[in-house]
């Protein structure tokens, strides 16, 4: 909820006009309701995508460190000539 919405409700309550709020509000058409639903869904999907991007980057960074650690271990135990075959 936007802070301005809450602020408007408080102002209307203090002025004794809370019941008057929304009387001029028009009913949304089916197309407008569908558009609003699709906008909410798009926002949710974008948020999920961004979370997955961040998680992928986080786990990929960790796996690179593990790969380099394993390469360092192998370098010590395997002769270069055998590793290059």
Protein backbone atom coordinates (compact mmCIF):
# COMPACT_ATOMS: atom_id res chain seq x y z
CA UNK A 1 0.00 0.00 0.00
CA UNK A 2 1.32 3.41 -0.89
CA UNK A 3 2.02 5.72 2.07
CA UNK A 4 -0.04 8.43 0.40
CA UNK A 5 -3.11 6.17 0.45
CA UNK A 6 -2.85 5.67 4.18
CA UNK A 7 -2.21 9.38 4.65
CA UNK A 8 -5.35 10.23 2.65
CA UNK A 9 -7.41 7.83 4.78
CA UNK A 10 -6.12 9.39 8.00
CA UNK A 11 -6.88 12.91 6.73
CA UNK A 12 -10.39 11.85 5.68
CA UNK A 13 -10.99 10.19 9.05
CA UNK A 14 -9.88 13.28 10.95
CA UNK A 15 -12.15 15.44 8.77
CA UNK A 16 -15.06 13.03 9.30
CA UNK A 17 -15.27 12.25 5.59
CA UNK A 18 -14.01 8.66 5.57
CA UNK A 19 -17.38 7.29 4.41
CA UNK A 20 -17.31 9.62 1.40
CA UNK A 21 -14.07 8.17 0.07
CA UNK A 22 -14.60 5.95 -2.93
CA UNK A 23 -18.10 7.16 -3.75
CA UNK A 24 -16.84 8.63 -7.03
CA UNK A 25 -14.86 5.49 -7.84
CA UNK A 26 -16.02 3.83 -11.05
CA UNK A 27 -16.24 0.07 -11.42
CA UNK A 28 -13.37 -1.40 -13.45
CA UNK A 29 -14.20 -3.01 -16.77
CA UNK A 30 -13.21 -6.60 -17.48
CA UNK A 31 -10.34 -5.40 -19.65
CA UNK A 32 -9.04 -3.11 -16.92
CA UNK A 33 -9.22 -5.90 -14.34
CA UNK A 34 -7.38 -8.27 -16.70
CA UNK A 35 -4.73 -5.61 -17.36
CA UNK A 36 -4.25 -5.05 -13.62
CA UNK A 37 -3.95 -8.81 -13.04
CA UNK A 38 -1.40 -9.15 -15.82
CA UNK A 39 0.64 -6.24 -14.45
CA UNK A 40 0.73 -7.86 -11.00
CA UNK A 41 1.72 -11.19 -12.53
CA UNK A 42 4.47 -9.56 -14.60
CA UNK A 43 5.86 -7.79 -11.54
CA UNK A 44 5.91 -11.10 -9.64
CA UNK A 45 7.64 -12.93 -12.48
CA UNK A 46 10.26 -10.17 -12.77
CA UNK A 47 10.93 -10.38 -9.05
CA UNK A 48 11.31 -14.18 -9.26
CA UNK A 49 13.66 -13.79 -12.24
CA UNK A 50 15.82 -11.29 -10.38
CA UNK A 51 16.02 -13.57 -7.34
CA UNK A 52 17.08 -16.48 -9.55
CA UNK A 53 19.73 -14.33 -11.27
CA UNK A 54 21.20 -13.34 -7.92
CA UNK A 55 21.10 -16.91 -6.63
CA UNK A 56 22.75 -18.22 -9.79
CA UNK A 57 25.52 -15.65 -9.54
CA UNK A 58 26.02 -16.42 -5.85
CA UNK A 59 26.26 -20.19 -6.34
CA UNK A 60 28.35 -19.90 -9.50
CA UNK A 61 30.88 -17.77 -7.64
CA UNK A 62 31.20 -20.46 -4.97
CA UNK A 63 31.57 -23.26 -7.51
CA UNK A 64 34.43 -21.44 -9.27
CA UNK A 65 36.36 -21.33 -6.02
CA UNK A 66 35.79 -25.06 -5.57
CA UNK A 67 36.95 -25.77 -9.14
CA UNK A 68 40.14 -23.82 -8.67
CA UNK A 69 40.79 -25.57 -5.35
CA UNK A 70 40.37 -28.95 -7.06
CA UNK A 71 42.69 -27.87 -9.89
CA UNK A 72 45.35 -26.85 -7.37
CA UNK A 73 45.03 -30.21 -5.61
CA UNK A 74 45.32 -32.10 -8.91
CA UNK A 75 48.33 -30.06 -9.99
CA UNK A 76 50.24 -31.27 -6.94
CA UNK A 77 49.30 -34.95 -7.28
CA UNK A 78 49.38 -35.42 -11.08
CA UNK A 79 52.37 -34.89 -13.27
CA UNK A 80 51.88 -32.21 -15.96
CA UNK A 81 52.63 -34.64 -18.79
CA UNK A 82 49.88 -37.04 -17.61
CA UNK A 83 47.36 -34.23 -17.07
CA UNK A 84 47.82 -32.94 -20.63
CA UNK A 85 47.17 -36.28 -22.34
